[in-house]
Amino acid sequence: ALRQLSAASAALLLYRALVGSAHAWDSPVIRAVLSFRPLSLVGAVSYPSYLLHFRILEYLNFNGYAMPPPLCDPEARGASCDPTDEAAAWVAYMGRLFVMGALLSLAVSAVFHLAVERPLVAAFRPESKAKRG
């Protein structure tokens, strides 16, 4: 399902990039979906999030904030080793890591976007140099 969603998203973005608003194939519905404010905000922090998410997940994982469950070792734990319990523990761990990582990644990316990316883009934009000097 993730592959199909990714392919549909890529097709939608390519469609908007290649079909202008004056073109006969322009769709007001697609334009409205892509200009929806929450999607625009996610789009604004997508590059910083791409840059930072792996380090954030790595930090959460290796510093004990979303610790993985112990592996099932029947020899060490005897009869108390139940693969069903282990699978449930790993699902819970991945859920915690995903939620914590996504929220923290979006928050840090928003700060990075506002404090670093926006000022740098504004500083190197040609029209901003003409206004300064």
Protein backbone atom coordinates (compact mmCIF):
# COMPACT_ATOMS: atom_id res chain seq x y z
CA ALA A 1 0.00 0.00 0.00
CA LEU A 2 2.89 2.36 0.73
CA ARG A 3 4.30 1.87 -2.76
CA GLN A 4 0.98 2.75 -4.36
CA LEU A 5 0.59 5.81 -2.13
CA SER A 6 4.11 6.97 -2.98
CA ALA A 7 3.53 6.45 -6.69
CA ALA A 8 0.20 8.30 -6.57
CA SER A 9 1.81 11.18 -4.66
CA ALA A 10 4.65 11.42 -7.16
CA ALA A 11 2.21 11.34 -10.07
CA LEU A 12 0.12 14.09 -8.48
CA LEU A 13 3.14 16.31 -7.91
CA LEU A 14 4.42 15.74 -11.44
CA TYR A 15 0.98 16.53 -12.80
CA ARG A 16 0.92 19.86 -10.95
CA ALA A 17 4.47 20.68 -11.99
CA LEU A 18 3.89 19.96 -15.68
CA VAL A 19 0.31 21.15 -16.18
CA GLY A 20 -0.07 24.91 -15.80
CA SER A 21 -3.20 26.64 -14.56
CA ALA A 22 -4.05 27.85 -18.10
CA HIS A 23 -3.90 24.30 -19.50
CA ALA A 24 -7.10 22.45 -20.39
CA TRP A 25 -6.16 19.60 -18.03
CA ASP A 26 -5.93 21.90 -15.00
CA SER A 27 -8.06 20.62 -12.14
CA PRO A 28 -9.35 22.97 -9.42
CA VAL A 29 -9.75 19.99 -7.09
CA ILE A 30 -6.09 18.99 -7.38
CA ARG A 31 -5.06 22.63 -7.03
CA ALA A 32 -7.18 22.93 -3.85
CA VAL A 33 -5.77 19.72 -2.35
CA LEU A 34 -2.15 20.75 -2.98
CA SER A 35 -2.70 24.28 -1.67
CA PHE A 36 -4.39 23.03 1.54
CA ARG A 37 -2.63 24.95 4.35
CA PRO A 38 -1.49 21.95 6.47
CA LEU A 39 0.02 20.28 3.38
CA SER A 40 1.80 23.53 2.52
CA LEU A 41 3.28 23.69 6.02
CA VAL A 42 4.46 20.08 5.82
CA GLY A 43 5.95 20.89 2.43
CA ALA A 44 7.84 23.84 3.91
CA VAL A 45 9.56 21.66 6.52
CA SER A 46 9.99 18.60 4.32
CA TYR A 47 13.62 19.27 3.36
CA PRO A 48 14.83 19.99 6.91
CA SER A 49 12.88 16.95 8.06
CA TYR A 50 14.57 14.86 5.38
CA LEU A 51 17.96 16.07 6.61
CA LEU A 52 17.29 15.61 10.32
CA HIS A 53 14.91 12.67 10.77
CA PHE A 54 17.52 9.91 10.71
CA ARG A 55 19.66 11.57 13.38
CA ILE A 56 16.58 12.17 15.53
CA LEU A 57 15.48 8.53 15.24
CA GLU A 58 19.03 7.42 15.98
CA TYR A 59 19.13 9.65 19.07
CA LEU A 60 15.78 8.37 20.34
CA ASN A 61 16.77 4.77 19.76
CA PHE A 62 20.28 4.78 21.23
CA ASN A 63 19.64 7.06 24.21
CA GLY A 64 16.86 4.99 25.72
CA TYR A 65 13.83 7.10 24.80
CA ALA A 66 12.26 4.35 22.69
CA MET A 67 14.13 1.25 23.79
CA PRO A 68 13.59 -1.92 21.76
CA PRO A 69 12.31 -4.93 23.65
CA PRO A 70 14.77 -7.74 24.45
CA LEU A 71 15.03 -10.48 21.87
CA CYS A 72 13.34 -13.76 22.61
CA ASP A 73 16.01 -16.25 23.64
CA PRO A 74 14.43 -19.55 24.75
CA GLU A 75 17.69 -20.87 26.18
CA ALA A 76 18.30 -17.84 28.38
CA ARG A 77 14.69 -17.20 29.40
CA GLY A 78 13.38 -20.75 29.45
CA ALA A 79 9.68 -21.36 28.91
CA SER A 80 8.79 -17.68 29.41
CA CYS A 81 9.83 -16.92 25.83
CA ASP A 82 6.66 -16.41 23.79
CA PRO A 83 7.12 -15.24 20.17
CA THR A 84 3.65 -13.66 20.23
CA ASP A 85 4.64 -11.45 23.16
CA GLU A 86 7.87 -10.56 21.40
CA ALA A 87 6.03 -9.54 18.22
CA ALA A 88 3.61 -7.37 20.20
CA ALA A 89 6.50 -5.74 22.03
CA TRP A 90 8.24 -4.93 18.74
CA VAL A 91 5.04 -3.47 17.27
CA ALA A 92 4.66 -1.27 20.35
CA TYR A 93 8.33 -0.23 20.12
CA MET A 94 8.03 0.71 16.44
CA GLY A 95 4.85 2.65 17.19
CA ARG A 96 6.56 4.61 19.97
CA LEU A 97 9.59 5.27 17.80
CA PHE A 98 7.42 6.41 14.88
CA VAL A 99 5.23 8.77 16.91
CA MET A 100 8.08 10.24 18.95
CA GLY A 101 10.31 10.51 15.89
CA ALA A 102 7.66 12.11 13.69
CA LEU A 103 6.64 14.70 16.27
CA LEU A 104 10.18 15.57 17.26
CA SER A 105 11.34 15.62 13.64
CA LEU A 106 8.55 18.01 12.61
CA ALA A 107 9.22 20.29 15.58
CA VAL A 108 13.00 20.44 15.05
CA SER A 109 12.50 20.82 11.29
CA ALA A 110 10.12 23.74 11.78
CA VAL A 111 12.69 25.52 13.97
CA PHE A 112 15.43 24.72 11.44
CA HIS A 113 13.26 26.03 8.60
CA LEU A 114 12.48 29.30 10.38
CA ALA A 115 15.93 29.93 11.88
CA VAL A 116 18.24 28.68 9.11
CA GLU A 117 16.57 27.88 5.80
CA ARG A 118 14.34 30.96 5.41
CA PRO A 119 17.05 33.53 6.24
CA LEU A 120 19.56 31.84 3.94
CA VAL A 121 17.11 31.64 1.04
CA ALA A 122 16.18 35.30 1.56
CA ALA A 123 19.84 36.34 1.74
CA PHE A 124 20.78 34.63 -1.51
CA ARG A 125 17.66 35.53 -3.48
CA PRO A 126 18.62 37.95 -6.30
CA GLU A 127 15.85 40.48 -5.56
CA SER A 128 16.90 40.73 -1.91
CA LYS A 129 20.44 41.78 -2.94
CA ALA A 130 19.01 44.53 -5.15
CA LYS A 131 16.96 45.89 -2.23
CA ARG A 132 20.00 45.96 0.10
CA GLY A 133 22.42 47.64 -2.11
